């Protein structure tokens, strides 16, 4: 196996006694987390990559607005400080690597967390400062 989100679900199933869980135990809540993890994988990540690769200023602006829209759509569902409130879930795990890389967009494409909204900024800061996320980085950019 090689796909990170599939591996996360595999470990959740293979080691059910391990806590904390990445997916809620309630079937409806599990499906809800899977839907929003899918939003990260199919909406946020692709537009992030399009924005990074775009060379024409018009396309950069178009993709930047698409990125903000995808972030705002997700942020409307964030219960804070993490997606499910106090419970760090698979949605947060799927998004954290892209939050840690958003400095690339800030330095090269005019992105700012503030422009995505105060709720997005608070959520992104909660993700990037979480101890388990910080320990995955080789070099910290958190100031």
C-alpha atoms as a PDB file:
ATOM      1  CA  UNK A   1       0.000   0.000   0.000  1.00  0.00           C
ATOM      2  CA  UNK A   2       1.186   3.478  -0.800  1.00  0.00           C
ATOM      3  CA  UNK A   3      -1.642   6.036  -0.698  1.00  0.00           C
ATOM      4  CA  UNK A   4      -1.478   7.966   2.581  1.00  0.00           C
ATOM      5  CA  UNK A   5      -5.212   8.372   3.188  1.00  0.00           C
ATOM      6  CA  UNK A   6      -5.842   4.710   2.388  1.00  0.00           C
ATOM      7  CA  UNK A   7      -3.032   3.799   4.802  1.00  0.00           C
ATOM      8  CA  UNK A   8      -4.633   5.917   7.522  1.00  0.00           C
ATOM      9  CA  UNK A   9      -7.899   4.022   7.125  1.00  0.00           C
ATOM     10  CA  UNK A  10      -6.042   0.699   6.972  1.00  0.00           C
ATOM     11  CA  UNK A  11      -4.287   1.435  10.280  1.00  0.00           C
ATOM     12  CA  UNK A  12      -7.598   2.521  11.802  1.00  0.00           C
ATOM     13  CA  UNK A  13      -9.123  -0.848  10.824  1.00  0.00           C
ATOM     14  CA  UNK A  14      -6.070  -2.985  11.568  1.00  0.00           C
ATOM     15  CA  UNK A  15      -5.471  -1.527  15.033  1.00  0.00           C
ATOM     16  CA  UNK A  16      -8.900  -0.628  16.415  1.00  0.00           C
ATOM     17  CA  UNK A  17      -7.602  -0.663  19.988  1.00  0.00           C
ATOM     18  CA  UNK A  18      -5.190   2.194  19.255  1.00  0.00           C
ATOM     19  CA  UNK A  19      -6.384   5.641  20.229  1.00  0.00           C
ATOM     20  CA  UNK A  20      -7.035   8.360  19.388  1.00  0.00           C
ATOM     21  CA  UNK A  21      -9.096   7.259  16.421  1.00  0.00           C
ATOM     22  CA  UNK A  22      -8.866   9.065  13.090  1.00  0.00           C
ATOM     23  CA  UNK A  23     -12.473   8.256  12.242  1.00  0.00           C
ATOM     24  CA  UNK A  24     -15.467   8.546  14.552  1.00  0.00           C
ATOM     25  CA  UNK A  25     -17.188   5.340  15.670  1.00  0.00           C
ATOM     26  CA  UNK A  26     -20.657   6.470  14.574  1.00  0.00           C
ATOM     27  CA  UNK A  27     -21.284   5.327  10.954  1.00  0.00           C
ATOM     28  CA  UNK A  28     -22.898   8.630   9.945  1.00  0.00           C
ATOM     29  CA  UNK A  29     -20.016  10.647  11.396  1.00  0.00           C
ATOM     30  CA  UNK A  30     -17.491   8.325   9.688  1.00  0.00           C
ATOM     31  CA  UNK A  31     -19.192   8.936   6.348  1.00  0.00           C
ATOM     32  CA  UNK A  32     -19.231  12.697   7.033  1.00  0.00           C
ATOM     33  CA  UNK A  33     -15.480  12.665   7.688  1.00  0.00           C
ATOM     34  CA  UNK A  34     -14.905  10.643   4.525  1.00  0.00           C
ATOM     35  CA  UNK A  35     -16.936  13.160   2.484  1.00  0.00           C
ATOM     36  CA  UNK A  36     -14.886  16.094   3.741  1.00  0.00           C
ATOM     37  CA  UNK A  37     -11.622  14.194   3.361  1.00  0.00           C
ATOM     38  CA  UNK A  38     -12.699  13.663  -0.234  1.00  0.00           C
ATOM     39  CA  UNK A  39     -13.255  17.437  -0.541  1.00  0.00           C
ATOM     40  CA  UNK A  40      -9.657  17.989   0.516  1.00  0.00           C
ATOM     41  CA  UNK A  41      -8.381  15.385  -1.957  1.00  0.00           C
ATOM     42  CA  UNK A  42     -10.535  16.425  -4.920  1.00  0.00           C
ATOM     43  CA  UNK A  43     -11.026  20.158  -4.458  1.00  0.00           C
ATOM     44  CA  UNK A  44      -8.325  21.698  -2.272  1.00  0.00           C
ATOM     45  CA  UNK A  45      -5.253  19.722  -3.316  1.00  0.00           C
ATOM     46  CA  UNK A  46      -5.830  19.924  -7.099  1.00  0.00           C
ATOM     47  CA  UNK A  47      -6.434  23.682  -7.078  1.00  0.00           C
ATOM     48  CA  UNK A  48      -3.378  24.147  -4.833  1.00  0.00           C
ATOM     49  CA  UNK A  49      -1.310  22.344  -7.468  1.00  0.00           C
ATOM     50  CA  UNK A  50      -2.892  24.262 -10.376  1.00  0.00           C
ATOM     51  CA  UNK A  51      -2.112  27.501  -8.574  1.00  0.00           C
ATOM     52  CA  UNK A  52       1.510  26.522  -7.972  1.00  0.00           C
ATOM     53  CA  UNK A  53       2.007  25.509 -11.606  1.00  0.00           C
ATOM     54  CA  UNK A  54       0.160  28.409 -13.250  1.00  0.00           C
ATOM     55  CA  UNK A  55       2.483  30.797 -15.069  1.00  0.00           C
ATOM     56  CA  UNK A  56       0.003  33.308 -16.497  1.00  0.00           C
ATOM     57  CA  UNK A  57      -1.028  36.053 -14.021  1.00  0.00           C
ATOM     58  CA  UNK A  58      -4.708  35.738 -15.033  1.00  0.00           C
ATOM     59  CA  UNK A  59      -4.707  32.002 -14.335  1.00  0.00           C
ATOM     60  CA  UNK A  60      -2.902  32.561 -11.043  1.00  0.00           C
ATOM     61  CA  UNK A  61      -5.638  34.967  -9.939  1.00  0.00           C
ATOM     62  CA  UNK A  62      -8.391  32.631 -11.121  1.00  0.00           C
ATOM     63  CA  UNK A  63      -6.893  29.651  -9.289  1.00  0.00           C
ATOM     64  CA  UNK A  64      -6.205  31.724  -6.176  1.00  0.00           C
ATOM     65  CA  UNK A  65      -9.909  32.599  -6.001  1.00  0.00           C
ATOM     66  CA  UNK A  66     -10.799  28.926  -6.599  1.00  0.00           C
ATOM     67  CA  UNK A  67      -8.467  27.997  -3.740  1.00  0.00           C
ATOM     68  CA  UNK A  68     -10.055  30.517  -1.391  1.00  0.00           C
ATOM     69  CA  UNK A  69     -13.509  29.204  -2.324  1.00  0.00           C
ATOM     70  CA  UNK A  70     -12.519  25.583  -1.646  1.00  0.00           C
ATOM     71  CA  UNK A  71     -11.020  26.578   1.721  1.00  0.00           C
ATOM     72  CA  UNK A  72     -14.096  28.589   2.693  1.00  0.00           C
ATOM     73  CA  UNK A  73     -16.407  25.711   1.773  1.00  0.00           C
ATOM     74  CA  UNK A  74     -14.513  23.412   4.130  1.00  0.00           C
ATOM     75  CA  UNK A  75     -14.141  26.071   6.826  1.00  0.00           C
ATOM     76  CA  UNK A  76     -17.917  26.460   7.049  1.00  0.00           C
ATOM     77  CA  UNK A  77     -18.009  22.912   8.472  1.00  0.00           C
ATOM     78  CA  UNK A  78     -15.082  23.228  10.917  1.00  0.00           C
ATOM     79  CA  UNK A  79     -16.289  22.962  14.499  1.00  0.00           C
ATOM     80  CA  UNK A  80     -12.964  24.211  15.922  1.00  0.00           C
ATOM     81  CA  UNK A  81     -10.254  24.000  16.797  1.00  0.00           C
ATOM     82  CA  UNK A  82     -10.152  20.967  14.465  1.00  0.00           C
ATOM     83  CA  UNK A  83     -12.659  19.810  11.892  1.00  0.00           C
ATOM     84  CA  UNK A  84     -14.689  17.792  14.418  1.00  0.00           C
ATOM     85  CA  UNK A  85     -14.048  20.147  17.314  1.00  0.00           C
ATOM     86  CA  UNK A  86     -11.577  18.835  19.881  1.00  0.00           C
ATOM     87  CA  UNK A  87     -11.216  15.524  17.980  1.00  0.00           C
ATOM     88  CA  UNK A  88      -8.324  15.524  15.470  1.00  0.00           C
ATOM     89  CA  UNK A  89      -9.588  13.482  12.510  1.00  0.00           C
ATOM     90  CA  UNK A  90      -8.737  12.212   9.057  1.00  0.00           C
ATOM     91  CA  UNK A  91      -9.934  15.506   7.538  1.00  0.00           C
ATOM     92  CA  UNK A  92      -7.296  17.364   9.550  1.00  0.00           C
ATOM     93  CA  UNK A  93      -4.643  14.833   8.597  1.00  0.00           C
ATOM     94  CA  UNK A  94      -5.484  15.143   4.900  1.00  0.00           C
ATOM     95  CA  UNK A  95      -5.270  18.926   5.062  1.00  0.00           C
ATOM     96  CA  UNK A  96      -2.272  19.460   7.367  1.00  0.00           C
ATOM     97  CA  UNK A  97       0.471  18.906   4.738  1.00  0.00           C
ATOM     98  CA  UNK A  98      -1.107  21.543   2.495  1.00  0.00           C
ATOM     99  CA  UNK A  99      -1.438  24.012   5.349  1.00  0.00           C
ATOM    100  CA  UNK A 100       2.257  23.496   6.084  1.00  0.00           C
ATOM    101  CA  UNK A 101       3.040  24.259   2.432  1.00  0.00           C
ATOM    102  CA  UNK A 102       0.868  27.336   2.061  1.00  0.00           C
ATOM    103  CA  UNK A 103       3.912  29.577   2.534  1.00  0.00           C
ATOM    104  CA  UNK A 104       4.740  28.635  -1.080  1.00  0.00           C
ATOM    105  CA  UNK A 105       1.508  30.266  -2.207  1.00  0.00           C
ATOM    106  CA  UNK A 106       2.083  33.254   0.073  1.00  0.00           C
ATOM    107  CA  UNK A 107       5.596  33.815  -1.261  1.00  0.00           C
ATOM    108  CA  UNK A 108       4.812  33.188  -4.926  1.00  0.00           C
ATOM    109  CA  UNK A 109       1.103  33.650  -5.653  1.00  0.00           C
ATOM    110  CA  UNK A 110      -0.203  36.379  -3.335  1.00  0.00           C
ATOM    111  CA  UNK A 111      -2.096  34.027  -1.030  1.00  0.00           C
ATOM    112  CA  UNK A 112      -2.861  35.016   2.537  1.00  0.00           C
ATOM    113  CA  UNK A 113      -4.755  33.146   5.197  1.00  0.00           C
ATOM    114  CA  UNK A 114      -6.490  36.382   6.142  1.00  0.00           C
ATOM    115  CA  UNK A 115      -7.966  36.628   2.643  1.00  0.00           C
ATOM    116  CA  UNK A 116      -9.475  33.160   3.077  1.00  0.00           C
ATOM    117  CA  UNK A 117     -11.192  34.380   6.244  1.00  0.00           C
ATOM    118  CA  UNK A 118     -10.594  34.535   9.974  1.00  0.00           C
ATOM    119  CA  UNK A 119     -12.120  31.085  10.531  1.00  0.00           C
ATOM    120  CA  UNK A 120      -9.727  29.557   7.986  1.00  0.00           C
ATOM    121  CA  UNK A 121      -6.782  31.370   9.562  1.00  0.00           C
ATOM    122  CA  UNK A 122      -7.654  30.063  13.053  1.00  0.00           C
ATOM    123  CA  UNK A 123      -8.151  26.510  11.758  1.00  0.00           C
ATOM    124  CA  UNK A 124      -4.899  26.547   9.752  1.00  0.00           C
ATOM    125  CA  UNK A 125      -2.986  27.837  12.778  1.00  0.00           C
ATOM    126  CA  UNK A 126      -4.497  25.114  14.979  1.00  0.00           C
ATOM    127  CA  UNK A 127      -3.367  22.480  12.468  1.00  0.00           C
ATOM    128  CA  UNK A 128       0.152  23.773  11.944  1.00  0.00           C
ATOM    129  CA  UNK A 129       0.836  24.218  15.673  1.00  0.00           C
ATOM    130  CA  UNK A 130      -0.528  20.840  16.790  1.00  0.00           C
ATOM    131  CA  UNK A 131       2.301  18.868  18.377  1.00  0.00           C
ATOM    132  CA  UNK A 132       1.731  15.712  16.310  1.00  0.00           C
ATOM    133  CA  UNK A 133       1.837  17.792  13.108  1.00  0.00           C
ATOM    134  CA  UNK A 134       4.942  19.712  14.185  1.00  0.00           C
ATOM    135  CA  UNK A 135       6.750  16.437  14.881  1.00  0.00           C
ATOM    136  CA  UNK A 136       6.275  15.353  11.243  1.00  0.00           C
ATOM    137  CA  UNK A 137       8.298  18.247   9.881  1.00  0.00           C
ATOM    138  CA  UNK A 138      12.012  18.164   9.198  1.00  0.00           C
ATOM    139  CA  UNK A 139      12.204  21.953   9.457  1.00  0.00           C
ATOM    140  CA  UNK A 140       9.645  24.084  11.220  1.00  0.00           C
ATOM    141  CA  UNK A 141       8.345  27.225   9.512  1.00  0.00           C
ATOM    142  CA  UNK A 142       5.989  27.996  12.419  1.00  0.00           C
ATOM    143  CA  UNK A 143       7.076  31.251  14.040  1.00  0.00           C
END
